[in-house]
């Protein structure tokens, strides 16, 4: 039984996308002198019919502010990051299920957003809103809340007079790619990230709508 379990886990591990497999192997190197990643920028420039999922209206989404930091901490323990974002004027939409927090999504419309994980400078055009750090707590996933969050981000974008949404999606996260595709997003750029002994390098490639 133990051998069968080990074999099944090994097969699942080897079926990961090559990049994720390599990333997991690199994490095992002491001090991690080398790190690599790949991610995409997805664009929504044609507003889809709303609501995106009219048959599932479970949650309530509200604009958040500094007073909601305690609520946000129930999702992820990042108090300094949340406070810093509010201080910079970033916008947060908070998802509730029966008055209990179920997730959030952050938005920026500054000219440049410095991505927190890779320190990649995302250029945000004047007609665009950038979506980042969207999160739904595990027990409320696969219920349609993510699509409701995207709807509210579209409404927010229209309210401030902008026309497009931009979002970053990690390579290999097939579910996230499918969800964004379903909402009408398409890939516009592929970015390779390398970090060697603390120095970061990026290689960008413009791509077509159907490339992934």
Protein backbone atom coordinates (compact mmCIF):
# COMPACT_ATOMS: atom_id res chain seq x y z
CA UNK A 1 0.00 0.00 0.00
CA UNK A 2 2.85 2.35 0.86
CA UNK A 3 4.58 1.69 -2.47
CA UNK A 4 1.36 2.35 -4.41
CA UNK A 5 0.86 5.62 -2.53
CA UNK A 6 4.47 6.66 -3.21
CA UNK A 7 4.10 5.80 -6.92
CA UNK A 8 0.89 7.84 -7.21
CA UNK A 9 2.54 10.85 -5.54
CA UNK A 10 5.57 10.55 -7.82
CA UNK A 11 3.40 10.42 -10.94
CA UNK A 12 1.46 13.49 -9.79
CA UNK A 13 4.74 15.31 -9.11
CA UNK A 14 6.18 14.46 -12.53
CA UNK A 15 2.98 15.56 -14.29
CA UNK A 16 3.49 19.14 -13.15
CA UNK A 17 4.38 21.70 -15.86
CA UNK A 18 8.14 21.68 -16.48
CA UNK A 19 8.66 25.14 -15.04
CA UNK A 20 6.86 24.31 -11.79
CA UNK A 21 8.85 21.09 -11.53
CA UNK A 22 12.11 22.98 -11.98
CA UNK A 23 11.03 25.64 -9.47
CA UNK A 24 10.33 22.97 -6.86
CA UNK A 25 13.72 21.41 -7.46
CA UNK A 26 15.51 24.77 -7.12
CA UNK A 27 13.78 25.38 -3.78
CA UNK A 28 15.67 22.40 -2.39
CA UNK A 29 19.04 24.07 -2.98
CA UNK A 30 20.42 25.60 0.25
CA UNK A 31 20.11 29.42 0.43
CA UNK A 32 18.36 29.39 -2.97
CA UNK A 33 20.98 31.39 -4.95
CA UNK A 34 19.00 30.98 -8.18
CA UNK A 35 15.30 31.46 -8.77
CA UNK A 36 13.26 31.56 -11.94
CA UNK A 37 9.64 32.09 -12.82
CA UNK A 38 7.40 32.84 -15.76
CA UNK A 39 4.18 34.83 -15.78
CA UNK A 40 1.78 36.49 -18.18
CA UNK A 41 -0.03 39.79 -18.40
CA UNK A 42 -3.67 39.32 -19.38
CA UNK A 43 -5.82 42.15 -20.73
CA UNK A 44 -9.58 42.72 -20.75
CA UNK A 45 -10.43 45.37 -23.32
CA UNK A 46 -13.98 44.35 -24.29
CA UNK A 47 -16.54 44.48 -21.49
CA UNK A 48 -18.47 41.18 -21.35
CA UNK A 49 -22.19 40.89 -20.64
CA UNK A 50 -22.82 41.36 -16.94
CA UNK A 51 -23.38 39.62 -14.61
CA UNK A 52 -20.83 37.00 -15.59
CA UNK A 53 -22.61 34.23 -13.68
CA UNK A 54 -26.25 35.29 -13.09
CA UNK A 55 -27.27 31.94 -11.64
CA UNK A 56 -24.89 32.14 -8.66
CA UNK A 57 -25.12 35.33 -6.60
CA UNK A 58 -23.77 34.22 -3.24
CA UNK A 59 -21.52 36.95 -1.92
CA UNK A 60 -21.53 40.66 -1.25
CA UNK A 61 -18.60 42.83 -2.33
CA UNK A 62 -17.79 46.20 -0.78
CA UNK A 63 -15.07 48.81 -1.07
CA UNK A 64 -12.58 48.35 1.74
CA UNK A 65 -10.46 50.84 3.67
CA UNK A 66 -7.98 50.93 6.55
CA UNK A 67 -10.75 49.93 8.96
CA UNK A 68 -11.03 46.58 7.17
CA UNK A 69 -7.41 45.54 7.84
CA UNK A 70 -8.49 43.30 10.75
CA UNK A 71 -10.98 41.59 8.44
CA UNK A 72 -8.34 41.12 5.76
CA UNK A 73 -6.02 39.47 8.28
CA UNK A 74 -8.52 36.63 8.60
CA UNK A 75 -7.62 35.74 5.01
CA UNK A 76 -3.86 36.31 5.07
CA UNK A 77 -1.58 37.60 7.81
CA UNK A 78 -0.04 40.59 5.99
CA UNK A 79 -0.80 43.61 8.20
CA UNK A 80 2.16 45.76 7.12
CA UNK A 81 1.51 45.09 3.44
CA UNK A 82 -2.21 45.86 3.71
CA UNK A 83 -1.59 49.09 5.64
CA UNK A 84 1.10 50.20 3.19
CA UNK A 85 -1.22 49.63 0.23
CA UNK A 86 -3.97 51.77 1.77
CA UNK A 87 -1.44 54.48 2.57
CA UNK A 88 -0.39 54.52 -1.10
CA UNK A 89 -4.01 54.96 -2.18
CA UNK A 90 -4.50 51.48 -3.58
CA UNK A 91 -8.10 50.23 -3.79
CA UNK A 92 -9.43 47.05 -2.17
CA UNK A 93 -12.67 45.19 -2.80
CA UNK A 94 -13.67 42.89 0.06
CA UNK A 95 -15.81 39.78 -0.46
CA UNK A 96 -18.29 38.76 2.25
CA UNK A 97 -20.40 35.64 2.72
CA UNK A 98 -23.12 36.20 5.33
CA UNK A 99 -21.10 39.03 6.89
CA UNK A 100 -17.98 36.84 7.13
CA UNK A 101 -15.01 37.79 4.99
CA UNK A 102 -14.45 35.37 2.12
CA UNK A 103 -11.76 37.11 0.09
CA UNK A 104 -10.52 40.30 -1.49
CA UNK A 105 -9.06 41.87 -4.61
CA UNK A 106 -6.64 44.80 -4.90
CA UNK A 107 -6.53 47.36 -7.71
CA UNK A 108 -4.08 50.02 -8.78
CA UNK A 109 -4.23 52.79 -11.35
CA UNK A 110 -0.88 54.39 -10.65
CA UNK A 111 1.35 54.81 -13.75
CA UNK A 112 3.61 51.97 -12.54
CA UNK A 113 2.98 49.19 -10.05
CA UNK A 114 6.05 47.41 -8.64
CA UNK A 115 4.98 43.79 -8.30
CA UNK A 116 5.72 42.55 -4.78
CA UNK A 117 7.01 39.03 -5.42
CA UNK A 118 9.32 39.56 -8.38
CA UNK A 119 9.70 43.36 -8.22
CA UNK A 120 8.58 43.59 -11.82
CA UNK A 121 7.45 47.13 -12.83
CA UNK A 122 3.99 46.77 -14.37
CA UNK A 123 3.28 49.69 -16.69
CA UNK A 124 -0.35 50.80 -16.29
CA UNK A 125 -1.70 52.85 -19.23
CA UNK A 126 -3.94 55.86 -18.46
CA UNK A 127 -7.08 53.98 -19.58
CA UNK A 128 -6.34 50.83 -17.55
CA UNK A 129 -6.76 49.45 -14.02
CA UNK A 130 -4.34 46.81 -12.79
CA UNK A 131 -5.72 43.91 -10.69
CA UNK A 132 -3.39 42.18 -8.26
CA UNK A 133 -3.47 39.89 -5.23
CA UNK A 134 -6.99 38.50 -5.67
CA UNK A 135 -7.76 35.93 -3.00
CA UNK A 136 -10.72 33.72 -2.07
CA UNK A 137 -10.46 31.65 1.13
CA UNK A 138 -10.29 27.90 0.39
CA UNK A 139 -13.69 26.97 1.87
CA UNK A 140 -15.45 29.46 -0.43
CA UNK A 141 -13.70 28.62 -3.68
CA UNK A 142 -15.46 27.15 -6.72
CA UNK A 143 -18.71 28.91 -5.81
CA UNK A 144 -18.61 31.74 -8.31
CA UNK A 145 -17.23 34.39 -5.94
CA UNK A 146 -14.22 35.06 -8.15
CA UNK A 147 -16.47 35.96 -11.09
CA UNK A 148 -18.49 38.26 -8.83
CA UNK A 149 -15.24 39.94 -7.80
CA UNK A 150 -14.28 40.47 -11.46
CA UNK A 151 -17.71 42.01 -12.09
CA UNK A 152 -17.20 44.55 -9.32
CA UNK A 153 -13.71 45.34 -10.61
CA UNK A 154 -15.29 46.07 -14.01
CA UNK A 155 -17.86 48.35 -12.38
CA UNK A 156 -15.09 50.13 -10.46
CA UNK A 157 -13.07 50.55 -13.66
CA UNK A 158 -16.06 52.11 -15.44
CA UNK A 159 -16.84 54.35 -12.46
CA UNK A 160 -13.42 56.02 -12.60
CA UNK A 161 -13.58 56.41 -16.38
CA UNK A 162 -11.17 53.69 -17.45
CA UNK A 163 -11.74 51.09 -20.16
CA UNK A 164 -9.40 48.14 -19.59
CA UNK A 165 -8.31 45.71 -16.89
CA UNK A 166 -4.82 44.21 -16.65
CA UNK A 167 -3.81 41.25 -14.49
CA UNK A 168 -0.77 39.04 -13.93
CA UNK A 169 -1.15 35.25 -14.04
CA UNK A 170 1.60 32.77 -13.19
CA UNK A 171 2.56 30.22 -15.80
CA UNK A 172 1.30 26.75 -14.92
CA UNK A 173 -1.75 27.98 -12.96
CA UNK A 174 -4.19 26.46 -15.41
CA UNK A 175 -7.33 27.12 -13.37
CA UNK A 176 -6.53 30.82 -13.06
CA UNK A 177 -5.79 31.04 -16.79
CA UNK A 178 -9.12 29.35 -17.61
CA UNK A 179 -11.06 31.63 -15.27
CA UNK A 180 -9.54 34.76 -16.77
CA UNK A 181 -10.19 33.44 -20.27
CA UNK A 182 -13.80 32.78 -19.29
CA UNK A 183 -14.17 36.40 -18.14
CA UNK A 184 -12.81 37.69 -21.47
CA UNK A 185 -9.15 38.31 -20.65
CA UNK A 186 -6.46 37.32 -23.15
CA UNK A 187 -2.63 37.20 -22.89
CA UNK A 188 -0.60 40.09 -24.24
CA UNK A 189 2.85 39.55 -22.75
CA UNK A 190 4.98 36.72 -21.40
CA UNK A 191 7.71 37.57 -18.88
CA UNK A 192 10.58 35.37 -17.78
CA UNK A 193 12.08 36.18 -14.39
CA UNK A 194 15.57 35.22 -13.21
CA UNK A 195 17.19 35.99 -9.88
CA UNK A 196 20.85 35.17 -9.34
CA UNK A 197 22.48 36.01 -6.00
CA UNK A 198 19.99 38.80 -5.37
CA UNK A 199 20.13 40.37 -8.85
CA UNK A 200 16.93 40.29 -10.89
CA UNK A 201 16.56 39.99 -14.65
CA UNK A 202 13.46 40.06 -16.85
CA UNK A 203 12.93 38.98 -20.42
CA UNK A 204 9.67 40.10 -22.04
CA UNK A 205 7.88 38.72 -25.08
CA UNK A 206 4.71 40.07 -26.70
CA UNK A 207 2.32 37.25 -27.50
CA UNK A 208 -0.95 36.73 -29.35
CA UNK A 209 -4.43 36.07 -27.97
CA UNK A 210 -4.36 32.35 -28.74
CA UNK A 211 -0.78 31.57 -27.78
CA UNK A 212 -1.73 29.90 -24.47
